[in-house]
Amino acid sequence: MTQVTFTLPPTLATLPLAERDSLIRAGLFEAVQSRMHQLTAEIEESERHIQRYEEKYGVSLARFEVEQLPDLDTLAAHEDYNDWFFWTETRQQNQHILAELKKAYVD
């Protein structure tokens, strides 16, 4: 387990150790729950964008990269690709972080 040091406001610093620990643990739990909710919303947003591109081009990003991207020479198609790639990476990163938080706080 990693140890973290931070400065408490004087009113909290004078509380009994057990009370301080309880407040810190509860605060961290609430922060993690809030972040998990935010990550879930961001994943859903990413999926909406990804679905829009999959419907527009009729393939997954992986197939698009191999089958269609090399033959496209329009700026709009390349901008779509960049956005599609961004949303795919964002979804993947957020799914990874969410899974790690769930392991720590749900299991």
N, C-alpha and C. Protein backbone atom coordinates (compact mmCIF):
# COMPACT_ATOMS: atom_id res chain seq x y z
N MET A 1 0.85 -1.17 0.00
CA MET A 1 0.00 0.00 0.00
C MET A 1 0.89 1.23 0.00
N THR A 2 0.53 2.22 -0.77
CA THR A 2 1.29 3.46 -0.86
C THR A 2 0.88 4.40 0.26
N GLN A 3 1.86 5.06 0.83
CA GLN A 3 1.59 6.01 1.90
C GLN A 3 1.64 7.41 1.32
N VAL A 4 0.66 8.26 1.70
CA VAL A 4 0.57 9.62 1.20
C VAL A 4 0.55 10.56 2.40
N THR A 5 1.25 11.68 2.28
CA THR A 5 1.27 12.68 3.33
C THR A 5 0.61 13.95 2.82
N PHE A 6 -0.26 14.53 3.63
CA PHE A 6 -0.87 15.80 3.26
C PHE A 6 -1.15 16.60 4.52
N THR A 7 -1.38 17.88 4.35
CA THR A 7 -1.61 18.79 5.46
C THR A 7 -3.10 18.93 5.70
N LEU A 8 -3.50 18.72 6.96
CA LEU A 8 -4.90 18.86 7.34
C LEU A 8 -5.16 20.26 7.88
N PRO A 9 -6.36 20.76 7.68
CA PRO A 9 -6.72 22.01 8.35
C PRO A 9 -6.61 21.82 9.86
N PRO A 10 -6.27 22.87 10.58
CA PRO A 10 -6.07 22.73 12.03
C PRO A 10 -7.23 22.09 12.77
N THR A 11 -8.46 22.40 12.37
CA THR A 11 -9.62 21.83 13.08
C THR A 11 -9.69 20.32 12.93
N LEU A 12 -9.28 19.80 11.78
CA LEU A 12 -9.26 18.35 11.57
C LEU A 12 -8.05 17.71 12.23
N ALA A 13 -6.95 18.43 12.26
CA ALA A 13 -5.72 17.89 12.84
C ALA A 13 -5.86 17.63 14.33
N THR A 14 -6.76 18.34 14.99
CA THR A 14 -6.92 18.17 16.44
C THR A 14 -7.91 17.07 16.81
N LEU A 15 -8.59 16.51 15.83
CA LEU A 15 -9.52 15.41 16.10
C LEU A 15 -8.75 14.17 16.53
N PRO A 16 -9.41 13.28 17.27
CA PRO A 16 -8.76 12.02 17.62
C PRO A 16 -8.36 11.26 16.34
N LEU A 17 -7.28 10.51 16.41
CA LEU A 17 -6.72 9.80 15.26
C LEU A 17 -7.77 8.92 14.57
N ALA A 18 -8.55 8.19 15.32
CA ALA A 18 -9.56 7.31 14.73
C ALA A 18 -10.59 8.11 13.93
N GLU A 19 -10.97 9.26 14.44
CA GLU A 19 -11.95 10.11 13.75
C GLU A 19 -11.35 10.68 12.46
N ARG A 20 -10.11 11.12 12.54
CA ARG A 20 -9.43 11.63 11.33
C ARG A 20 -9.34 10.54 10.28
N ASP A 21 -8.92 9.34 10.68
CA ASP A 21 -8.81 8.23 9.74
C ASP A 21 -10.16 7.92 9.09
N SER A 22 -11.19 7.92 9.92
CA SER A 22 -12.53 7.64 9.41
C SER A 22 -12.96 8.68 8.37
N LEU A 23 -12.71 9.95 8.66
CA LEU A 23 -13.06 11.01 7.73
C LEU A 23 -12.27 10.91 6.43
N ILE A 24 -11.00 10.63 6.54
CA ILE A 24 -10.15 10.53 5.35
C ILE A 24 -10.58 9.35 4.49
N ARG A 25 -10.84 8.21 5.11
CA ARG A 25 -11.27 7.03 4.36
C ARG A 25 -12.62 7.27 3.69
N ALA A 26 -13.55 7.89 4.42
CA ALA A 26 -14.87 8.19 3.85
C ALA A 26 -14.74 9.17 2.69
N GLY A 27 -13.90 10.18 2.86
CA GLY A 27 -13.70 11.16 1.79
C GLY A 27 -13.10 10.53 0.56
N LEU A 28 -12.12 9.67 0.75
CA LEU A 28 -11.49 8.99 -0.38
C LEU A 28 -12.50 8.08 -1.08
N PHE A 29 -13.29 7.37 -0.28
CA PHE A 29 -14.31 6.49 -0.87
C PHE A 29 -15.28 7.30 -1.72
N GLU A 30 -15.75 8.43 -1.20
CA GLU A 30 -16.70 9.27 -1.95
C GLU A 30 -16.05 9.82 -3.21
N ALA A 31 -14.78 10.21 -3.12
CA ALA A 31 -14.08 10.73 -4.30
C ALA A 31 -13.95 9.64 -5.37
N VAL A 32 -13.64 8.42 -4.96
CA VAL A 32 -13.50 7.32 -5.90
C VAL A 32 -14.86 7.00 -6.53
N GLN A 33 -15.90 6.98 -5.74
CA GLN A 33 -17.24 6.71 -6.29
C GLN A 33 -17.62 7.78 -7.31
N SER A 34 -17.33 9.03 -7.00
CA SER A 34 -17.62 10.13 -7.92
C SER A 34 -16.82 9.98 -9.22
N ARG A 35 -15.55 9.63 -9.08
CA ARG A 35 -14.71 9.45 -10.27
C ARG A 35 -15.19 8.28 -11.12
N MET A 36 -15.63 7.20 -10.47
CA MET A 36 -16.14 6.05 -11.22
C MET A 36 -17.39 6.44 -12.00
N HIS A 37 -18.22 7.24 -11.40
CA HIS A 37 -19.43 7.72 -12.09
C HIS A 37 -19.04 8.58 -13.30
N GLN A 38 -18.06 9.47 -13.10
CA GLN A 38 -17.59 10.33 -14.17
C GLN A 38 -16.97 9.50 -15.30
N LEU A 39 -16.16 8.52 -14.96
CA LEU A 39 -15.54 7.66 -15.97
C LEU A 39 -16.60 6.90 -16.77
N THR A 40 -17.61 6.42 -16.09
CA THR A 40 -18.70 5.71 -16.78
C THR A 40 -19.38 6.63 -17.78
N ALA A 41 -19.62 7.87 -17.40
CA ALA A 41 -20.24 8.84 -18.31
C ALA A 41 -19.32 9.12 -19.50
N GLU A 42 -18.02 9.23 -19.25
CA GLU A 42 -17.07 9.48 -20.33
C GLU A 42 -16.98 8.28 -21.27
N ILE A 43 -17.05 7.07 -20.73
CA ILE A 43 -17.04 5.87 -21.57
C ILE A 43 -18.29 5.85 -22.46
N GLU A 44 -19.43 6.17 -21.89
CA GLU A 44 -20.67 6.20 -22.66
C GLU A 44 -20.60 7.25 -23.77
N GLU A 45 -20.02 8.42 -23.46
CA GLU A 45 -19.86 9.45 -24.49
C GLU A 45 -18.93 8.95 -25.61
N SER A 46 -17.84 8.32 -25.22
CA SER A 46 -16.90 7.77 -26.22
C SER A 46 -17.61 6.76 -27.11
N GLU A 47 -18.40 5.90 -26.50
CA GLU A 47 -19.10 4.87 -27.27
C GLU A 47 -20.10 5.48 -28.26
N ARG A 48 -20.73 6.58 -27.88
CA ARG A 48 -21.66 7.25 -28.81
C ARG A 48 -20.90 7.78 -30.03
N HIS A 49 -19.74 8.38 -29.79
CA HIS A 49 -18.94 8.90 -30.90
C HIS A 49 -18.43 7.76 -31.78
N ILE A 50 -17.94 6.71 -31.16
CA ILE A 50 -17.44 5.55 -31.90
C ILE A 50 -18.54 4.94 -32.75
N GLN A 51 -19.71 4.79 -32.16
CA GLN A 51 -20.84 4.20 -32.90
C GLN A 51 -21.20 5.06 -34.11
N ARG A 52 -21.13 6.37 -33.95
CA ARG A 52 -21.44 7.26 -35.07
C ARG A 52 -20.49 7.01 -36.24
N TYR A 53 -19.20 6.85 -35.95
CA TYR A 53 -18.23 6.59 -37.02
C TYR A 53 -18.40 5.19 -37.60
N GLU A 54 -18.70 4.22 -36.75
CA GLU A 54 -18.92 2.85 -37.25
C GLU A 54 -20.12 2.81 -38.18
N GLU A 55 -21.16 3.56 -37.84
CA GLU A 55 -22.34 3.61 -38.71
C GLU A 55 -22.03 4.36 -40.00
N LYS A 56 -21.26 5.43 -39.89
CA LYS A 56 -20.93 6.24 -41.07
C LYS A 56 -20.10 5.45 -42.08
N TYR A 57 -19.13 4.69 -41.59
CA TYR A 57 -18.22 3.97 -42.48
C TYR A 57 -18.54 2.48 -42.60
N GLY A 58 -19.44 1.98 -41.76
CA GLY A 58 -19.88 0.59 -41.88
C GLY A 58 -18.88 -0.45 -41.40
N VAL A 59 -17.85 -0.04 -40.66
CA VAL A 59 -16.84 -0.97 -40.17
C VAL A 59 -16.32 -0.50 -38.81
N SER A 60 -15.57 -1.37 -38.16
CA SER A 60 -14.89 -0.99 -36.92
C SER A 60 -13.68 -0.13 -37.27
N LEU A 61 -13.09 0.51 -36.29
CA LEU A 61 -11.90 1.33 -36.53
C LEU A 61 -10.76 0.48 -37.08
N ALA A 62 -10.56 -0.71 -36.54
CA ALA A 62 -9.47 -1.57 -37.02
C ALA A 62 -9.63 -1.90 -38.50
N ARG A 63 -10.84 -2.23 -38.90
CA ARG A 63 -11.08 -2.54 -40.32
C ARG A 63 -10.97 -1.28 -41.18
N PHE A 64 -11.43 -0.15 -40.65
CA PHE A 64 -11.33 1.10 -41.38
C PHE A 64 -9.87 1.44 -41.68
N GLU A 65 -9.01 1.25 -40.70
CA GLU A 65 -7.59 1.55 -40.87
C GLU A 65 -6.97 0.72 -41.99
N VAL A 66 -7.39 -0.53 -42.10
CA VAL A 66 -6.81 -1.44 -43.09
C VAL A 66 -7.49 -1.32 -44.45
N GLU A 67 -8.82 -1.25 -44.43
CA GLU A 67 -9.58 -1.36 -45.68
C GLU A 67 -9.89 -0.04 -46.36
N GLN A 68 -10.10 1.03 -45.58
CA GLN A 68 -10.59 2.26 -46.21
C GLN A 68 -9.63 3.44 -46.10
N LEU A 69 -8.98 3.59 -44.98
CA LEU A 69 -8.14 4.76 -44.77
C LEU A 69 -7.06 4.95 -45.84
N PRO A 70 -6.36 3.89 -46.25
CA PRO A 70 -5.31 4.10 -47.26
C PRO A 70 -5.83 4.69 -48.58
N ASP A 71 -7.09 4.46 -48.90
CA ASP A 71 -7.64 4.93 -50.16
C ASP A 71 -8.35 6.28 -50.06
N LEU A 72 -8.50 6.79 -48.85
CA LEU A 72 -9.21 8.06 -48.68
C LEU A 72 -8.20 9.20 -48.75
N ASP A 73 -8.55 10.20 -49.53
CA ASP A 73 -7.64 11.33 -49.66
C ASP A 73 -8.32 12.65 -49.30
N THR A 74 -9.44 12.58 -48.60
CA THR A 74 -10.12 13.81 -48.22
C THR A 74 -9.73 14.21 -46.81
N LEU A 75 -9.70 15.50 -46.59
CA LEU A 75 -9.39 16.02 -45.27
C LEU A 75 -10.45 15.58 -44.26
N ALA A 76 -11.70 15.57 -44.67
CA ALA A 76 -12.79 15.19 -43.77
C ALA A 76 -12.64 13.76 -43.29
N ALA A 77 -12.26 12.85 -44.17
CA ALA A 77 -12.07 11.45 -43.77
C ALA A 77 -10.93 11.31 -42.78
N HIS A 78 -9.87 12.05 -42.99
CA HIS A 78 -8.74 11.98 -42.07
C HIS A 78 -9.08 12.62 -40.73
N GLU A 79 -9.87 13.67 -40.75
CA GLU A 79 -10.34 14.27 -39.49
C GLU A 79 -11.25 13.29 -38.76
N ASP A 80 -12.12 12.61 -39.49
CA ASP A 80 -12.96 11.58 -38.88
C ASP A 80 -12.09 10.51 -38.24
N TYR A 81 -11.07 10.07 -38.96
CA TYR A 81 -10.18 9.04 -38.43
C TYR A 81 -9.50 9.51 -37.14
N ASN A 82 -9.00 10.73 -37.14
CA ASN A 82 -8.34 11.24 -35.93
C ASN A 82 -9.30 11.29 -34.75
N ASP A 83 -10.51 11.77 -34.99
CA ASP A 83 -11.50 11.82 -33.92
C ASP A 83 -11.88 10.41 -33.47
N TRP A 84 -12.11 9.53 -34.41
CA TRP A 84 -12.48 8.13 -34.11
C TRP A 84 -11.39 7.48 -33.28
N PHE A 85 -10.15 7.67 -33.68
CA PHE A 85 -9.02 7.12 -32.95
C PHE A 85 -8.97 7.70 -31.54
N PHE A 86 -9.16 9.02 -31.42
CA PHE A 86 -9.17 9.67 -30.11
C PHE A 86 -10.22 9.07 -29.20
N TRP A 87 -11.45 8.95 -29.68
CA TRP A 87 -12.53 8.42 -28.85
C TRP A 87 -12.30 6.96 -28.49
N THR A 88 -11.70 6.20 -29.38
CA THR A 88 -11.39 4.80 -29.09
C THR A 88 -10.33 4.71 -28.00
N GLU A 89 -9.29 5.52 -28.10
CA GLU A 89 -8.24 5.53 -27.08
C GLU A 89 -8.78 6.03 -25.75
N THR A 90 -9.60 7.06 -25.78
CA THR A 90 -10.20 7.60 -24.56
C THR A 90 -11.04 6.54 -23.86
N ARG A 91 -11.86 5.83 -24.64
CA ARG A 91 -12.69 4.77 -24.06
C ARG A 91 -11.80 3.69 -23.42
N GLN A 92 -10.78 3.28 -24.13
CA GLN A 92 -9.90 2.22 -23.62
C GLN A 92 -9.20 2.66 -22.33
N GLN A 93 -8.67 3.86 -22.30
CA GLN A 93 -7.99 4.35 -21.10
C GLN A 93 -8.96 4.46 -19.92
N ASN A 94 -10.15 5.00 -20.19
CA ASN A 94 -11.13 5.15 -19.11
C ASN A 94 -11.63 3.79 -18.61
N GLN A 95 -11.79 2.84 -19.51
CA GLN A 95 -12.20 1.49 -19.09
C GLN A 95 -11.13 0.87 -18.21
N HIS A 96 -9.87 1.08 -18.53
CA HIS A 96 -8.78 0.54 -17.72
C HIS A 96 -8.78 1.17 -16.33
N ILE A 97 -8.89 2.49 -16.26
CA ILE A 97 -8.90 3.18 -14.96
C ILE A 97 -10.11 2.73 -14.15
N LEU A 98 -11.26 2.64 -14.77
CA LEU A 98 -12.48 2.21 -14.08
C LEU A 98 -12.32 0.80 -13.53
N ALA A 99 -11.75 -0.09 -14.31
CA ALA A 99 -11.55 -1.47 -13.85
C ALA A 99 -10.62 -1.50 -12.64
N GLU A 100 -9.57 -0.67 -12.65
CA GLU A 100 -8.64 -0.63 -11.52
C GLU A 100 -9.33 -0.08 -10.27
N LEU A 101 -10.14 0.95 -10.43
CA LEU A 101 -10.86 1.50 -9.29
C LEU A 101 -11.86 0.50 -8.74
N LYS A 102 -12.53 -0.22 -9.62
CA LYS A 102 -13.48 -1.24 -9.17
C LYS A 102 -12.78 -2.34 -8.40
N LYS A 103 -11.59 -2.73 -8.86
CA LYS A 103 -10.84 -3.77 -8.13
C LYS A 103 -10.52 -3.31 -6.72
N ALA A 104 -10.18 -2.04 -6.59
CA ALA A 104 -9.78 -1.50 -5.29
C ALA A 104 -10.96 -1.24 -4.37
N TYR A 105 -12.10 -0.86 -4.93
CA TYR A 105 -13.20 -0.40 -4.08
C TYR A 105 -14.49 -1.21 -4.18
N VAL A 106 -14.58 -2.13 -5.09
CA VAL A 106 -15.82 -2.89 -5.21
C VAL A 106 -15.61 -4.35 -4.83
N ASP A 107 -14.50 -4.92 -5.20
CA ASP A 107 -14.25 -6.35 -4.92
C ASP A 107 -14.13 -6.63 -3.45
